[in-house]
């Protein structure tokens, strides 16, 4: 597991099985029992709190990572790898989280 991978996760009810973006830093996956993830959804709203993803990231259809839906889940709930964000897109993650948390210093990235 590495940061910014997209993987399947068996999210707690009522969410269920869905793709998620792994957000915890890569070294932490070796010892943490819980990890931070953001939901991937097929609902595209075009808001600053989401990032558009799709085939290039390993998904079957246009989707969005919705950072309004960040969760801490048991690492055991994280399943197989679907794909990953390209390294140059990490700035988009930080900008979207900046909007979610209303941190102006991240909104300008």
C-alpha atoms as a PDB file:
ATOM      1  CA  UNK A   1       0.000   0.000   0.000  1.00  0.00           C
ATOM      2  CA  UNK A   2       1.204   3.474  -0.832  1.00  0.00           C
ATOM      3  CA  UNK A   3      -0.137   6.985  -0.489  1.00  0.00           C
ATOM      4  CA  UNK A   4      -2.334   8.098  -3.426  1.00  0.00           C
ATOM      5  CA  UNK A   5      -3.194   4.576  -4.562  1.00  0.00           C
ATOM      6  CA  UNK A   6      -6.811   3.888  -5.454  1.00  0.00           C
ATOM      7  CA  UNK A   7      -8.029   0.629  -3.953  1.00  0.00           C
ATOM      8  CA  UNK A   8     -11.240  -1.186  -3.255  1.00  0.00           C
ATOM      9  CA  UNK A   9     -12.436  -0.887   0.342  1.00  0.00           C
ATOM     10  CA  UNK A  10     -15.227  -2.544   2.270  1.00  0.00           C
ATOM     11  CA  UNK A  11     -16.504   0.615   3.925  1.00  0.00           C
ATOM     12  CA  UNK A  12     -18.775   0.437   6.969  1.00  0.00           C
ATOM     13  CA  UNK A  13     -22.527   0.508   6.331  1.00  0.00           C
ATOM     14  CA  UNK A  14     -24.324   2.293   4.781  1.00  0.00           C
ATOM     15  CA  UNK A  15     -21.469   3.046   2.352  1.00  0.00           C
ATOM     16  CA  UNK A  16     -20.413  -0.483   1.365  1.00  0.00           C
ATOM     17  CA  UNK A  17     -17.749  -1.592  -1.102  1.00  0.00           C
ATOM     18  CA  UNK A  18     -16.274   1.222  -3.181  1.00  0.00           C
ATOM     19  CA  UNK A  19     -13.008   2.614  -4.480  1.00  0.00           C
ATOM     20  CA  UNK A  20     -11.064   4.889  -2.152  1.00  0.00           C
ATOM     21  CA  UNK A  21      -7.926   6.999  -2.372  1.00  0.00           C
ATOM     22  CA  UNK A  22      -5.311   6.085   0.243  1.00  0.00           C
ATOM     23  CA  UNK A  23      -4.202   9.274   1.984  1.00  0.00           C
ATOM     24  CA  UNK A  24      -2.011   8.079   4.858  1.00  0.00           C
ATOM     25  CA  UNK A  25       1.728   8.522   4.289  1.00  0.00           C
ATOM     26  CA  UNK A  26       3.363   5.476   2.732  1.00  0.00           C
ATOM     27  CA  UNK A  27       5.627   4.405   5.664  1.00  0.00           C
ATOM     28  CA  UNK A  28       2.614   4.346   8.018  1.00  0.00           C
ATOM     29  CA  UNK A  29       1.005   1.377   6.235  1.00  0.00           C
ATOM     30  CA  UNK A  30       3.592  -0.945   7.762  1.00  0.00           C
ATOM     31  CA  UNK A  31       2.458  -0.273  11.337  1.00  0.00           C
ATOM     32  CA  UNK A  32      -0.925   1.493  11.446  1.00  0.00           C
ATOM     33  CA  UNK A  33      -4.102  -0.498  12.020  1.00  0.00           C
ATOM     34  CA  UNK A  34      -6.279   2.366  10.759  1.00  0.00           C
ATOM     35  CA  UNK A  35      -5.701   4.496   7.672  1.00  0.00           C
ATOM     36  CA  UNK A  36      -7.107   7.677   6.134  1.00  0.00           C
ATOM     37  CA  UNK A  37      -9.051   7.324   2.879  1.00  0.00           C
ATOM     38  CA  UNK A  38     -11.251   9.485   0.661  1.00  0.00           C
ATOM     39  CA  UNK A  39     -14.248   8.047  -1.170  1.00  0.00           C
ATOM     40  CA  UNK A  40     -14.332   7.743  -4.945  1.00  0.00           C
ATOM     41  CA  UNK A  41     -17.769   8.291  -6.449  1.00  0.00           C
ATOM     42  CA  UNK A  42     -19.343   8.279  -9.896  1.00  0.00           C
ATOM     43  CA  UNK A  43     -21.257  11.425  -8.943  1.00  0.00           C
ATOM     44  CA  UNK A  44     -19.375  14.337 -10.513  1.00  0.00           C
ATOM     45  CA  UNK A  45     -20.273  17.724  -9.037  1.00  0.00           C
ATOM     46  CA  UNK A  46     -17.406  19.834 -10.351  1.00  0.00           C
ATOM     47  CA  UNK A  47     -16.714  21.407  -6.949  1.00  0.00           C
ATOM     48  CA  UNK A  48     -13.284  22.351  -5.563  1.00  0.00           C
ATOM     49  CA  UNK A  49     -13.548  19.635  -2.893  1.00  0.00           C
ATOM     50  CA  UNK A  50     -13.231  16.882  -5.502  1.00  0.00           C
ATOM     51  CA  UNK A  51     -10.742  15.684  -8.108  1.00  0.00           C
ATOM     52  CA  UNK A  52     -11.852  14.123 -11.387  1.00  0.00           C
ATOM     53  CA  UNK A  53     -10.413  10.654 -12.050  1.00  0.00           C
ATOM     54  CA  UNK A  54     -11.116   7.896 -14.529  1.00  0.00           C
ATOM     55  CA  UNK A  55      -9.494   5.422 -16.891  1.00  0.00           C
ATOM     56  CA  UNK A  56      -5.993   6.886 -16.458  1.00  0.00           C
ATOM     57  CA  UNK A  57      -6.208   6.076 -12.742  1.00  0.00           C
ATOM     58  CA  UNK A  58      -7.485   2.528 -13.347  1.00  0.00           C
ATOM     59  CA  UNK A  59     -11.217   3.172 -12.981  1.00  0.00           C
ATOM     60  CA  UNK A  60     -13.806   1.929 -15.469  1.00  0.00           C
ATOM     61  CA  UNK A  61     -15.671   5.233 -15.813  1.00  0.00           C
ATOM     62  CA  UNK A  62     -15.365   8.945 -15.085  1.00  0.00           C
ATOM     63  CA  UNK A  63     -15.465   9.443 -11.323  1.00  0.00           C
ATOM     64  CA  UNK A  64     -14.377  11.867  -8.622  1.00  0.00           C
ATOM     65  CA  UNK A  65     -12.455  11.617  -5.384  1.00  0.00           C
ATOM     66  CA  UNK A  66     -14.712  13.428  -2.939  1.00  0.00           C
ATOM     67  CA  UNK A  67     -12.662  14.949  -0.126  1.00  0.00           C
ATOM     68  CA  UNK A  68     -15.811  15.968   1.735  1.00  0.00           C
ATOM     69  CA  UNK A  69     -15.968  12.234   2.499  1.00  0.00           C
ATOM     70  CA  UNK A  70     -12.679  11.466   4.243  1.00  0.00           C
ATOM     71  CA  UNK A  71     -12.710   8.496   6.634  1.00  0.00           C
ATOM     72  CA  UNK A  72     -10.435   6.661   9.028  1.00  0.00           C
ATOM     73  CA  UNK A  73     -10.974   2.942   8.511  1.00  0.00           C
ATOM     74  CA  UNK A  74      -9.332  -0.299   9.589  1.00  0.00           C
ATOM     75  CA  UNK A  75      -6.479  -1.179   7.231  1.00  0.00           C
ATOM     76  CA  UNK A  76      -7.988  -4.667   7.011  1.00  0.00           C
ATOM     77  CA  UNK A  77     -10.951  -3.174   5.096  1.00  0.00           C
ATOM     78  CA  UNK A  78      -8.669  -2.032   2.258  1.00  0.00           C
ATOM     79  CA  UNK A  79      -8.555  -4.449  -0.649  1.00  0.00           C
ATOM     80  CA  UNK A  80      -7.023  -4.796  -4.074  1.00  0.00           C
ATOM     81  CA  UNK A  81      -5.313  -2.044  -6.002  1.00  0.00           C
ATOM     82  CA  UNK A  82      -7.223  -0.384  -8.824  1.00  0.00           C
ATOM     83  CA  UNK A  83      -4.685   2.263  -9.810  1.00  0.00           C
ATOM     84  CA  UNK A  84      -3.105   5.458  -8.542  1.00  0.00           C
ATOM     85  CA  UNK A  85      -2.908   9.198  -8.985  1.00  0.00           C
ATOM     86  CA  UNK A  86       0.053  10.431 -10.997  1.00  0.00           C
ATOM     87  CA  UNK A  87       2.662  12.185  -8.841  1.00  0.00           C
ATOM     88  CA  UNK A  88       1.964  15.584 -10.406  1.00  0.00           C
ATOM     89  CA  UNK A  89      -1.655  15.404  -9.157  1.00  0.00           C
ATOM     90  CA  UNK A  90      -0.760  15.470  -5.439  1.00  0.00           C
ATOM     91  CA  UNK A  91      -1.121  19.260  -5.511  1.00  0.00           C
ATOM     92  CA  UNK A  92      -4.768  18.753  -6.485  1.00  0.00           C
ATOM     93  CA  UNK A  93      -5.280  16.603  -3.377  1.00  0.00           C
ATOM     94  CA  UNK A  94      -3.809  19.291  -1.125  1.00  0.00           C
ATOM     95  CA  UNK A  95      -5.880  22.017  -2.780  1.00  0.00           C
ATOM     96  CA  UNK A  96      -9.108  20.002  -2.418  1.00  0.00           C
ATOM     97  CA  UNK A  97      -8.369  19.263   1.257  1.00  0.00           C
ATOM     98  CA  UNK A  98      -7.686  22.972   1.709  1.00  0.00           C
ATOM     99  CA  UNK A  99     -11.248  23.691   0.575  1.00  0.00           C
ATOM    100  CA  UNK A 100     -12.708  20.968   2.797  1.00  0.00           C
ATOM    101  CA  UNK A 101     -10.954  22.285   5.911  1.00  0.00           C
ATOM    102  CA  UNK A 102     -11.121  25.959   4.874  1.00  0.00           C
ATOM    103  CA  UNK A 103      -7.345  26.324   4.980  1.00  0.00           C
ATOM    104  CA  UNK A 104      -6.619  29.261   2.630  1.00  0.00           C
ATOM    105  CA  UNK A 105      -2.912  28.447   2.398  1.00  0.00           C
ATOM    106  CA  UNK A 106      -3.773  25.179   0.622  1.00  0.00           C
ATOM    107  CA  UNK A 107      -6.513  26.563  -1.609  1.00  0.00           C
ATOM    108  CA  UNK A 108      -3.981  28.367  -3.807  1.00  0.00           C
ATOM    109  CA  UNK A 109      -1.876  25.308  -4.707  1.00  0.00           C
END
